[in-house]
């Protein structure tokens, strides 16, 4: 037996069965009355109650999550600081690695030998420039009058300006050549394998 639309309505919403036909017509024509009756229906009240409970559960969960907010912000800040520090350390490590490589190259035996050879050549040129300078100076002073040593200067042991120039030249030139020969000997010994460098 099929039920009509009105009978099905009363099955779904039994509260409406007590309403008269006039009340049902008023329900359809008066929106305020319809809303008041609608909110009094059991299924609607149950739906609103469930919605309220879900809302309260969500609020409780949100409050619970907010309790961790400060800790999360602190952890995020610490993580960012650690990341920035790691990037700085990584950059510093590359810089130290480059400096270490340059330092090792600077003390590499082959590089040191090359430096010694350059220094030997430079010292040779330096000593030659001392000699050339003295010769030019001597040639220039030879055109002037040469002071004759006096008996007083001979008795006191004082030297004339010419003698002093020669003494200064000999001293400077001898020191320069001495340094040159030391470097030359080291270079020659190194070349024949008599200089050994410890790697440790």
N, C-alpha and C. Protein backbone atom coordinates (compact mmCIF):
# COMPACT_ATOMS: atom_id res chain seq x y z
N UNK A 1 0.86 -1.18 0.00
CA UNK A 1 0.00 0.00 0.00
C UNK A 1 0.89 1.22 0.00
N UNK A 2 0.72 2.09 -1.00
CA UNK A 2 1.52 3.29 -1.12
C UNK A 2 0.95 4.39 -0.24
N UNK A 3 1.92 5.07 0.41
CA UNK A 3 1.50 6.21 1.23
C UNK A 3 1.60 7.47 0.40
N UNK A 4 0.71 8.42 0.64
CA UNK A 4 0.75 9.69 -0.06
C UNK A 4 1.85 10.56 0.49
N UNK A 5 2.10 11.68 -0.17
CA UNK A 5 3.16 12.59 0.27
C UNK A 5 2.95 13.07 1.68
N UNK A 6 1.70 13.33 2.04
CA UNK A 6 1.42 13.84 3.38
C UNK A 6 1.74 12.78 4.42
N UNK A 7 1.38 11.50 4.15
CA UNK A 7 1.66 10.41 5.11
C UNK A 7 3.15 10.22 5.28
N UNK A 8 3.94 10.29 4.19
CA UNK A 8 5.40 10.16 4.26
C UNK A 8 6.00 11.30 5.08
N UNK A 9 5.44 12.51 4.94
CA UNK A 9 5.92 13.66 5.71
C UNK A 9 5.74 13.42 7.19
N UNK A 10 4.57 12.84 7.57
CA UNK A 10 4.31 12.59 8.99
C UNK A 10 5.21 11.47 9.53
N UNK A 11 5.59 10.51 8.65
CA UNK A 11 6.51 9.44 9.08
C UNK A 11 7.88 10.02 9.36
N UNK A 12 8.34 10.89 8.43
CA UNK A 12 9.68 11.48 8.59
C UNK A 12 9.71 12.49 9.72
N UNK A 13 8.61 13.24 9.89
CA UNK A 13 8.55 14.28 10.92
C UNK A 13 7.26 14.09 11.72
N UNK A 14 7.20 13.19 12.70
CA UNK A 14 5.98 12.90 13.45
C UNK A 14 5.41 14.11 14.19
N UNK A 15 6.27 15.11 14.50
CA UNK A 15 5.77 16.31 15.19
C UNK A 15 4.72 17.04 14.36
N UNK A 16 4.78 16.91 13.04
CA UNK A 16 3.83 17.61 12.16
C UNK A 16 2.45 16.93 12.13
N UNK A 17 2.34 15.70 12.60
CA UNK A 17 1.06 14.97 12.55
C UNK A 17 0.01 15.63 13.45
N UNK A 18 0.48 16.34 14.49
CA UNK A 18 -0.50 16.98 15.40
C UNK A 18 -1.01 18.32 14.87
N UNK A 19 -0.43 18.78 13.78
CA UNK A 19 -0.85 20.07 13.21
C UNK A 19 -2.09 19.88 12.33
N UNK A 20 -2.98 20.86 12.41
CA UNK A 20 -4.20 20.81 11.57
C UNK A 20 -3.85 21.25 10.16
N UNK A 21 -4.80 21.05 9.28
CA UNK A 21 -4.60 21.46 7.89
C UNK A 21 -4.31 22.96 7.81
N UNK A 22 -5.06 23.76 8.64
CA UNK A 22 -4.85 25.20 8.63
C UNK A 22 -3.43 25.55 9.09
N UNK A 23 -2.99 24.80 10.13
CA UNK A 23 -1.61 25.04 10.62
C UNK A 23 -0.59 24.72 9.54
N UNK A 24 -0.83 23.65 8.80
CA UNK A 24 0.10 23.28 7.73
C UNK A 24 0.12 24.33 6.63
N UNK A 25 -1.08 24.87 6.33
CA UNK A 25 -1.14 25.92 5.31
C UNK A 25 -0.43 27.18 5.78
N UNK A 26 -0.64 27.53 7.09
CA UNK A 26 0.08 28.68 7.66
C UNK A 26 1.59 28.44 7.63
N UNK A 27 1.98 27.21 7.86
CA UNK A 27 3.40 26.85 7.85
C UNK A 27 4.04 27.16 6.50
N UNK A 28 3.28 26.88 5.41
CA UNK A 28 3.80 27.11 4.06
C UNK A 28 3.74 28.58 3.67
N UNK A 29 2.82 29.33 4.25
CA UNK A 29 2.66 30.72 3.83
C UNK A 29 3.40 31.71 4.73
N UNK A 30 3.80 31.31 5.93
CA UNK A 30 4.45 32.22 6.88
C UNK A 30 5.89 31.75 7.13
N UNK A 31 6.86 32.45 6.60
CA UNK A 31 8.27 32.02 6.76
C UNK A 31 8.73 31.99 8.21
N UNK A 32 8.27 32.95 9.02
CA UNK A 32 8.69 32.97 10.43
C UNK A 32 8.13 31.75 11.16
N UNK A 33 6.88 31.42 10.89
CA UNK A 33 6.24 30.25 11.51
C UNK A 33 6.94 28.97 11.03
N UNK A 34 7.26 28.94 9.75
CA UNK A 34 7.94 27.78 9.18
C UNK A 34 9.30 27.57 9.86
N UNK A 35 10.02 28.65 10.05
CA UNK A 35 11.36 28.54 10.67
C UNK A 35 11.26 28.09 12.11
N UNK A 36 10.23 28.61 12.84
CA UNK A 36 10.06 28.21 14.24
C UNK A 36 9.73 26.73 14.35
N UNK A 37 8.84 26.26 13.49
CA UNK A 37 8.47 24.84 13.52
C UNK A 37 9.64 23.98 13.06
N UNK A 38 10.34 24.47 12.03
CA UNK A 38 11.47 23.70 11.47
C UNK A 38 12.55 23.46 12.53
N UNK A 39 12.84 24.48 13.31
CA UNK A 39 13.90 24.34 14.33
C UNK A 39 13.45 23.50 15.52
N UNK A 40 12.13 23.28 15.64
CA UNK A 40 11.65 22.45 16.75
C UNK A 40 11.61 20.97 16.39
N UNK A 41 11.82 20.61 15.13
CA UNK A 41 11.78 19.22 14.69
C UNK A 41 12.96 18.44 15.25
N UNK A 42 12.72 17.20 15.66
CA UNK A 42 13.76 16.35 16.28
C UNK A 42 14.98 16.16 15.39
N UNK A 43 14.79 15.78 14.10
CA UNK A 43 15.98 15.59 13.26
C UNK A 43 16.81 16.86 13.10
N UNK A 44 16.11 18.02 13.04
CA UNK A 44 16.84 19.29 12.89
C UNK A 44 17.60 19.60 14.16
N UNK A 45 16.92 19.39 15.34
CA UNK A 45 17.61 19.64 16.60
C UNK A 45 18.82 18.72 16.74
N UNK A 46 18.67 17.46 16.33
CA UNK A 46 19.79 16.51 16.40
C UNK A 46 20.94 16.95 15.48
N UNK A 47 20.58 17.45 14.30
CA UNK A 47 21.59 17.92 13.35
C UNK A 47 22.34 19.11 13.93
N UNK A 48 21.58 20.07 14.52
CA UNK A 48 22.23 21.24 15.11
C UNK A 48 23.10 20.84 16.31
N UNK A 49 22.60 19.86 17.08
CA UNK A 49 23.37 19.40 18.23
C UNK A 49 24.68 18.77 17.77
N UNK A 50 24.60 17.94 16.71
CA UNK A 50 25.81 17.31 16.18
C UNK A 50 26.77 18.37 15.65
N UNK A 51 26.19 19.38 14.97
CA UNK A 51 27.02 20.46 14.43
C UNK A 51 27.71 21.23 15.56
N UNK A 52 26.94 21.45 16.66
CA UNK A 52 27.50 22.15 17.80
C UNK A 52 28.64 21.35 18.43
N UNK A 53 28.42 20.03 18.55
CA UNK A 53 29.45 19.17 19.15
C UNK A 53 30.72 19.13 18.29
N UNK A 54 30.50 19.07 16.98
CA UNK A 54 31.67 19.09 16.08
C UNK A 54 32.42 20.42 16.20
N UNK A 55 31.64 21.51 16.27
CA UNK A 55 32.26 22.83 16.42
C UNK A 55 33.05 22.94 17.72
N UNK A 56 32.46 22.40 18.81
CA UNK A 56 33.16 22.44 20.10
C UNK A 56 34.40 21.57 20.07
N UNK A 57 34.31 20.42 19.41
CA UNK A 57 35.48 19.55 19.29
C UNK A 57 36.59 20.24 18.50
N UNK A 58 36.18 20.92 17.43
CA UNK A 58 37.17 21.65 16.63
C UNK A 58 37.82 22.77 17.44
N UNK A 59 36.98 23.46 18.24
CA UNK A 59 37.51 24.55 19.07
C UNK A 59 38.49 24.01 20.10
N UNK A 60 38.12 22.85 20.69
CA UNK A 60 39.00 22.23 21.68
C UNK A 60 40.32 21.82 21.04
N UNK A 61 40.23 21.26 19.83
CA UNK A 61 41.45 20.86 19.12
C UNK A 61 42.30 22.08 18.77
N UNK A 62 41.61 23.16 18.36
CA UNK A 62 42.35 24.39 18.02
C UNK A 62 43.05 24.95 19.25
N UNK A 63 42.33 24.95 20.41
CA UNK A 63 42.95 25.42 21.65
C UNK A 63 44.15 24.56 22.03
N UNK A 64 43.98 23.25 21.83
CA UNK A 64 45.08 22.32 22.14
C UNK A 64 46.29 22.61 21.25
N UNK A 65 46.02 22.87 19.97
CA UNK A 65 47.11 23.16 19.04
C UNK A 65 47.79 24.49 19.38
N UNK A 66 46.98 25.46 19.87
CA UNK A 66 47.55 26.76 20.22
C UNK A 66 48.52 26.64 21.39
N UNK A 67 48.34 25.62 22.23
CA UNK A 67 49.26 25.43 23.34
C UNK A 67 50.69 25.16 22.84
N UNK A 68 50.80 24.59 21.63
CA UNK A 68 52.11 24.28 21.07
C UNK A 68 52.66 25.41 20.20
N UNK A 69 51.88 26.48 20.05
CA UNK A 69 52.28 27.54 19.12
C UNK A 69 53.63 28.16 19.49
N UNK A 70 53.79 28.54 20.77
CA UNK A 70 55.04 29.17 21.20
C UNK A 70 56.22 28.23 21.00
N UNK A 71 56.02 26.95 21.36
CA UNK A 71 57.11 25.97 21.18
C UNK A 71 57.46 25.81 19.70
N UNK A 72 56.42 25.80 18.87
CA UNK A 72 56.67 25.64 17.43
C UNK A 72 57.41 26.85 16.87
N UNK A 73 57.01 28.05 17.30
CA UNK A 73 57.71 29.26 16.84
C UNK A 73 59.16 29.24 17.31
N UNK A 74 59.37 28.80 18.57
CA UNK A 74 60.73 28.74 19.10
C UNK A 74 61.56 27.72 18.32
N UNK A 75 60.96 26.55 18.07
CA UNK A 75 61.68 25.53 17.31
C UNK A 75 61.99 26.00 15.89
N UNK A 76 61.03 26.70 15.29
CA UNK A 76 61.26 27.21 13.93
C UNK A 76 62.41 28.22 13.94
N UNK A 77 62.43 29.09 14.96
CA UNK A 77 63.50 30.07 15.07
C UNK A 77 64.84 29.39 15.28
N UNK A 78 64.87 28.39 16.18
CA UNK A 78 66.11 27.66 16.44
C UNK A 78 66.58 26.90 15.20
N UNK A 79 65.62 26.34 14.47
CA UNK A 79 65.97 25.62 13.24
C UNK A 79 66.57 26.57 12.21
N UNK A 80 65.97 27.76 12.10
CA UNK A 80 66.50 28.75 11.15
C UNK A 80 67.90 29.19 11.56
N UNK A 81 68.10 29.41 12.86
CA UNK A 81 69.42 29.81 13.34
C UNK A 81 70.44 28.71 13.08
N UNK A 82 70.04 27.45 13.33
CA UNK A 82 70.96 26.32 13.09
C UNK A 82 71.29 26.21 11.60
N UNK A 83 70.29 26.44 10.76
CA UNK A 83 70.51 26.38 9.31
C UNK A 83 71.47 27.48 8.88
N UNK A 84 71.23 28.70 9.39
CA UNK A 84 72.10 29.82 9.04
C UNK A 84 73.52 29.56 9.53
N UNK A 85 73.64 29.02 10.74
CA UNK A 85 74.97 28.70 11.28
C UNK A 85 75.66 27.64 10.44
N UNK A 86 74.90 26.64 10.00
CA UNK A 86 75.47 25.58 9.15
C UNK A 86 75.96 26.16 7.83
N UNK A 87 75.19 27.11 7.27
CA UNK A 87 75.62 27.74 6.01
C UNK A 87 76.89 28.56 6.22
N UNK A 88 76.96 29.27 7.37
CA UNK A 88 78.17 30.04 7.67
C UNK A 88 79.37 29.13 7.85
N UNK A 89 79.17 28.02 8.57
CA UNK A 89 80.26 27.08 8.79
C UNK A 89 80.70 26.42 7.48
N UNK A 90 79.73 26.14 6.62
CA UNK A 90 80.06 25.55 5.32
C UNK A 90 80.90 26.52 4.50
N UNK A 91 80.51 27.79 4.52
CA UNK A 91 81.27 28.80 3.79
C UNK A 91 82.66 28.95 4.38
N UNK A 92 82.76 28.94 5.71
CA UNK A 92 84.07 29.07 6.39
C UNK A 92 84.94 27.85 6.09
N UNK A 93 84.32 26.67 6.03
CA UNK A 93 85.08 25.45 5.74
C UNK A 93 85.69 25.52 4.34
N UNK A 94 84.93 26.02 3.38
CA UNK A 94 85.47 26.18 2.02
C UNK A 94 86.61 27.18 2.00
N UNK A 95 86.45 28.24 2.79
CA UNK A 95 87.49 29.26 2.86
C UNK A 95 88.76 28.69 3.47
N UNK A 96 88.61 27.92 4.56
CA UNK A 96 89.77 27.29 5.21
C UNK A 96 90.42 26.27 4.29
N UNK A 97 89.59 25.54 3.55
CA UNK A 97 90.14 24.56 2.61
C UNK A 97 90.98 25.25 1.54
N UNK A 98 90.48 26.39 1.05
CA UNK A 98 91.24 27.15 0.04
C UNK A 98 92.55 27.68 0.64
N UNK A 99 92.47 28.21 1.88
CA UNK A 99 93.68 28.72 2.53
C UNK A 99 94.68 27.60 2.78
N UNK A 100 94.17 26.43 3.18
CA UNK A 100 95.05 25.29 3.43
C UNK A 100 95.75 24.85 2.14
N UNK A 101 95.00 24.85 1.05
CA UNK A 101 95.58 24.46 -0.23
C UNK A 101 96.67 25.44 -0.65
N UNK A 102 96.39 26.74 -0.47
CA UNK A 102 97.39 27.75 -0.80
C UNK A 102 98.63 27.60 0.09
N UNK A 103 98.39 27.28 1.37
CA UNK A 103 99.51 27.11 2.30
C UNK A 103 100.36 25.91 1.91
N UNK A 104 99.71 24.79 1.57
CA UNK A 104 100.45 23.60 1.14
C UNK A 104 101.25 23.89 -0.13
N UNK A 105 100.64 24.63 -1.05
CA UNK A 105 101.36 24.95 -2.29
C UNK A 105 102.57 25.84 -2.00
N UNK A 106 102.39 26.75 -1.02
CA UNK A 106 103.48 27.66 -0.69
C UNK A 106 104.68 26.92 -0.12
N UNK A 107 104.45 25.80 0.55
CA UNK A 107 105.54 25.03 1.14
C UNK A 107 105.80 23.72 0.42
N UNK A 108 105.28 23.60 -0.77
CA UNK A 108 105.56 22.44 -1.60
C UNK A 108 107.03 22.49 -2.02
N UNK A 109 107.78 21.37 -1.93
CA UNK A 109 109.21 21.39 -2.25
C UNK A 109 109.54 21.98 -3.62
N UNK A 110 108.76 21.63 -4.64
CA UNK A 110 109.04 22.16 -5.97
C UNK A 110 108.83 23.68 -6.01
N UNK A 111 107.82 24.16 -5.28
CA UNK A 111 107.57 25.60 -5.25
C UNK A 111 108.68 26.31 -4.48
N UNK A 112 109.16 25.69 -3.38
CA UNK A 112 110.24 26.29 -2.60
C UNK A 112 111.53 26.34 -3.40
N UNK A 113 111.79 25.28 -4.19
CA UNK A 113 112.99 25.29 -5.04
C UNK A 113 112.91 26.40 -6.08
N UNK A 114 111.74 26.59 -6.64
CA UNK A 114 111.54 27.67 -7.62
C UNK A 114 111.79 29.02 -6.97
N UNK A 115 111.28 29.20 -5.75
CA UNK A 115 111.50 30.46 -5.03
C UNK A 115 112.98 30.67 -4.72
N UNK A 116 113.66 29.58 -4.36
CA UNK A 116 115.10 29.68 -4.07
C UNK A 116 115.87 30.11 -5.32
N UNK A 117 115.51 29.54 -6.46
CA UNK A 117 116.19 29.90 -7.70
C UNK A 117 115.95 31.37 -8.06
N UNK A 118 114.71 31.81 -7.88
CA UNK A 118 114.43 33.23 -8.15
C UNK A 118 115.21 34.14 -7.19
N UNK A 119 115.24 33.72 -5.91
CA UNK A 119 115.96 34.53 -4.93
C UNK A 119 117.46 34.54 -5.22
N UNK A 120 118.01 33.43 -5.71
CA UNK A 120 119.44 33.36 -6.07
C UNK A 120 119.75 34.31 -7.22
N UNK A 121 118.88 34.27 -8.23
CA UNK A 121 119.06 35.17 -9.38
C UNK A 121 118.95 36.62 -8.94
N UNK A 122 117.97 36.91 -8.11
CA UNK A 122 117.78 38.29 -7.63
C UNK A 122 118.99 38.74 -6.81
N UNK A 123 119.56 37.84 -5.99
CA UNK A 123 120.72 38.20 -5.18
C UNK A 123 121.95 38.45 -6.06
N UNK A 124 122.09 37.65 -7.10
CA UNK A 124 123.20 37.85 -8.04
C UNK A 124 123.08 39.22 -8.71
N UNK A 125 121.86 39.56 -9.14
CA UNK A 125 121.63 40.86 -9.78
C UNK A 125 121.86 42.00 -8.79
N UNK A 126 121.48 41.77 -7.53
CA UNK A 126 121.67 42.80 -6.50
C UNK A 126 123.16 43.06 -6.28
N UNK A 127 123.96 42.00 -6.16
CA UNK A 127 125.40 42.19 -5.95
C UNK A 127 126.05 42.87 -7.15
N UNK A 128 125.60 42.51 -8.35
CA UNK A 128 126.13 43.16 -9.56
C UNK A 128 125.77 44.64 -9.60
N UNK A 129 124.57 44.96 -9.14
CA UNK A 129 124.17 46.37 -9.12
C UNK A 129 125.00 47.16 -8.11
N UNK A 130 125.40 46.52 -7.01
CA UNK A 130 126.28 47.17 -6.02
C UNK A 130 127.63 47.50 -6.67
N UNK A 131 128.16 46.51 -7.39
CA UNK A 131 129.45 46.71 -8.05
C UNK A 131 129.35 47.80 -9.12
N UNK A 132 128.31 47.74 -9.93
CA UNK A 132 128.14 48.73 -10.99
C UNK A 132 127.99 50.13 -10.41
N UNK A 133 127.26 50.24 -9.33
CA UNK A 133 127.06 51.54 -8.69
C UNK A 133 128.38 52.08 -8.16
N UNK A 134 129.19 51.19 -7.57
CA UNK A 134 130.50 51.63 -7.04
C UNK A 134 131.42 52.08 -8.17
N UNK A 135 131.40 51.33 -9.28
CA UNK A 135 132.25 51.70 -10.42
C UNK A 135 131.83 53.06 -10.97
N UNK A 136 130.53 53.30 -11.12
CA UNK A 136 130.06 54.60 -11.61
C UNK A 136 130.45 55.72 -10.66
N UNK A 137 130.31 55.45 -9.37
CA UNK A 137 130.68 56.45 -8.37
C UNK A 137 132.17 56.74 -8.41
N UNK A 138 133.00 55.69 -8.55
CA UNK A 138 134.45 55.85 -8.60
C UNK A 138 134.87 56.63 -9.83
N UNK A 139 134.23 56.33 -10.96
CA UNK A 139 134.56 57.05 -12.19
C UNK A 139 134.22 58.52 -12.05
N UNK A 140 133.13 58.83 -11.38
CA UNK A 140 132.73 60.22 -11.21
C UNK A 140 133.67 60.96 -10.28
N UNK A 141 134.13 60.30 -9.22
CA UNK A 141 135.02 60.97 -8.26
C UNK A 141 136.45 61.04 -8.75
N UNK A 142 136.82 60.19 -9.73
CA UNK A 142 138.21 60.21 -10.21
C UNK A 142 138.53 61.49 -10.97
N UNK A 143 137.52 62.17 -11.46
CA UNK A 143 137.74 63.43 -12.17
C UNK A 143 137.93 64.59 -11.21
N UNK A 144 137.58 64.36 -9.96
CA UNK A 144 137.77 65.40 -8.95
C UNK A 144 139.15 65.27 -8.33
N UNK A 145 139.51 66.24 -7.53
CA UNK A 145 140.81 66.17 -6.84
C UNK A 145 140.72 65.17 -5.70
N UNK A 146 141.71 64.28 -5.62
CA UNK A 146 141.74 63.25 -4.59
C UNK A 146 142.49 63.80 -3.40
N UNK A 147 141.89 63.84 -2.20
CA UNK A 147 142.58 64.37 -1.03
C UNK A 147 143.75 63.48 -0.63
N UNK A 148 144.88 64.09 -0.33
CA UNK A 148 146.08 63.35 0.06
C UNK A 148 146.03 63.15 1.57
N UNK A 149 146.32 61.92 2.04
CA UNK A 149 146.31 61.70 3.49
C UNK A 149 147.32 62.59 4.18
N UNK A 150 146.94 63.18 5.28
CA UNK A 150 147.83 64.05 6.07
C UNK A 150 148.53 63.23 7.12
N UNK A 151 149.64 63.73 7.64
CA UNK A 151 150.33 62.99 8.72
C UNK A 151 149.42 62.75 9.90
N UNK A 152 148.52 63.71 10.17
CA UNK A 152 147.62 63.56 11.32
C UNK A 152 146.66 62.40 11.09
N UNK A 153 146.12 62.29 9.89
CA UNK A 153 145.17 61.21 9.62
C UNK A 153 145.85 59.87 9.63
N UNK A 154 147.14 59.85 9.21
CA UNK A 154 147.87 58.57 9.24
C UNK A 154 148.17 58.15 10.67
N UNK A 155 148.51 59.17 11.54
CA UNK A 155 148.81 58.85 12.93
C UNK A 155 147.57 58.39 13.69
N UNK A 156 146.44 59.03 13.44
CA UNK A 156 145.20 58.69 14.17
C UNK A 156 144.49 57.49 13.58
N UNK A 157 144.86 57.05 12.42
CA UNK A 157 144.21 55.88 11.81
C UNK A 157 142.91 56.20 11.13
N UNK A 158 142.57 57.46 10.98
CA UNK A 158 141.34 57.84 10.29
C UNK A 158 141.53 57.65 8.80
N UNK A 159 140.44 57.28 8.11
CA UNK A 159 140.52 57.03 6.67
C UNK A 159 139.96 58.22 5.91
N UNK A 160 140.46 58.35 4.69
CA UNK A 160 139.98 59.40 3.82
C UNK A 160 138.62 58.99 3.29
N UNK A 161 137.85 59.94 2.68
CA UNK A 161 136.55 59.59 2.11
C UNK A 161 136.65 58.50 1.06
N UNK A 162 137.71 58.49 0.26
CA UNK A 162 137.89 57.46 -0.77
C UNK A 162 138.04 56.10 -0.12
N UNK A 163 138.90 56.04 0.91
CA UNK A 163 139.13 54.76 1.60
C UNK A 163 137.84 54.27 2.26
N UNK A 164 137.10 55.21 2.83
CA UNK A 164 135.84 54.83 3.49
C UNK A 164 134.85 54.29 2.46
N UNK A 165 134.79 54.89 1.28
CA UNK A 165 133.90 54.40 0.23
C UNK A 165 134.27 52.98 -0.18
N UNK A 166 135.58 52.74 -0.30
CA UNK A 166 136.05 51.40 -0.70
C UNK A 166 135.70 50.38 0.37
N UNK A 167 135.95 50.73 1.63
CA UNK A 167 135.65 49.80 2.74
C UNK A 167 134.17 49.48 2.78
N UNK A 168 133.33 50.50 2.62
CA UNK A 168 131.88 50.28 2.64
C UNK A 168 131.45 49.40 1.48
N UNK A 169 132.02 49.66 0.31
CA UNK A 169 131.68 48.84 -0.86
C UNK A 169 132.08 47.39 -0.66
N UNK A 170 133.31 47.18 -0.20
CA UNK A 170 133.81 45.80 -0.01
C UNK A 170 132.93 45.05 0.98
N UNK A 171 132.58 45.72 2.07
CA UNK A 171 131.74 45.08 3.09
C UNK A 171 130.36 44.71 2.53
N UNK A 172 129.74 45.68 1.84
CA UNK A 172 128.40 45.43 1.29
C UNK A 172 128.43 44.38 0.18
N UNK A 173 129.43 44.49 -0.70
CA UNK A 173 129.52 43.55 -1.82
C UNK A 173 129.82 42.13 -1.32
N UNK A 174 130.71 42.02 -0.32
CA UNK A 174 131.05 40.70 0.22
C UNK A 174 129.82 40.04 0.85
N UNK A 175 129.02 40.82 1.60
CA UNK A 175 127.80 40.26 2.22
C UNK A 175 126.80 39.82 1.15
N UNK A 176 126.67 40.61 0.09
CA UNK A 176 125.72 40.27 -0.98
C UNK A 176 126.16 39.00 -1.70
N UNK A 177 127.47 38.89 -2.00
CA UNK A 177 127.97 37.70 -2.71
C UNK A 177 127.92 36.47 -1.80
N UNK A 178 128.16 36.69 -0.53
CA UNK A 178 128.08 35.58 0.43
C UNK A 178 126.67 34.99 0.45
N UNK A 179 125.68 35.87 0.47
CA UNK A 179 124.28 35.42 0.45
C UNK A 179 123.98 34.71 -0.87
N UNK A 180 124.48 35.25 -1.96
CA UNK A 180 124.27 34.63 -3.27
C UNK A 180 124.85 33.21 -3.30
N UNK A 181 126.07 33.06 -2.83
CA UNK A 181 126.73 31.74 -2.89
C UNK A 181 126.04 30.72 -1.97
N UNK A 182 125.57 31.20 -0.83
CA UNK A 182 124.80 30.29 0.06
C UNK A 182 123.58 29.75 -0.67
N UNK A 183 122.83 30.64 -1.31
CA UNK A 183 121.64 30.21 -2.05
C UNK A 183 121.99 29.31 -3.21
N UNK A 184 123.11 29.63 -3.88
CA UNK A 184 123.55 28.83 -5.02
C UNK A 184 123.89 27.42 -4.57
N UNK A 185 124.59 27.31 -3.45
CA UNK A 185 124.97 25.99 -2.93
C UNK A 185 123.73 25.19 -2.54
N UNK A 186 122.77 25.84 -1.87
CA UNK A 186 121.54 25.15 -1.49
C UNK A 186 120.80 24.65 -2.74
N UNK A 187 120.74 25.51 -3.75
CA UNK A 187 120.05 25.12 -4.99
C UNK A 187 120.73 23.95 -5.67
N UNK A 188 122.07 23.97 -5.70
CA UNK A 188 122.82 22.87 -6.33
C UNK A 188 122.64 21.57 -5.56
N UNK A 189 122.69 21.65 -4.22
CA UNK A 189 122.49 20.46 -3.39
C UNK A 189 121.09 19.89 -3.58
N UNK A 190 120.12 20.78 -3.69
CA UNK A 190 118.72 20.39 -3.88
C UNK A 190 118.55 19.68 -5.22
N UNK A 191 119.18 20.24 -6.25
CA UNK A 191 119.05 19.69 -7.60
C UNK A 191 119.58 18.26 -7.68
N UNK A 192 120.67 17.97 -6.95
CA UNK A 192 121.26 16.61 -7.00
C UNK A 192 120.63 15.68 -5.96
N UNK A 193 119.57 16.17 -5.28
CA UNK A 193 118.83 15.29 -4.38
C UNK A 193 119.40 15.17 -2.98
N UNK A 194 120.22 16.13 -2.55
CA UNK A 194 120.82 16.05 -1.22
C UNK A 194 120.02 16.83 -0.16
N UNK A 195 118.92 17.42 -0.60
CA UNK A 195 118.03 18.11 0.34
C UNK A 195 116.73 17.31 0.42
N UNK A 196 116.39 16.87 1.63
CA UNK A 196 115.21 16.04 1.84
C UNK A 196 114.23 16.79 2.72
N UNK A 197 112.97 16.85 2.28
CA UNK A 197 111.91 17.53 3.05
C UNK A 197 111.01 16.49 3.70
N UNK A 198 110.80 16.66 4.99
CA UNK A 198 109.85 15.79 5.70
C UNK A 198 108.45 16.25 5.43
N UNK A 199 107.56 15.30 5.07
CA UNK A 199 106.18 15.64 4.74
C UNK A 199 105.32 15.84 5.97
N UNK A 200 105.77 15.32 7.15
CA UNK A 200 104.94 15.43 8.36
C UNK A 200 105.13 16.76 9.06
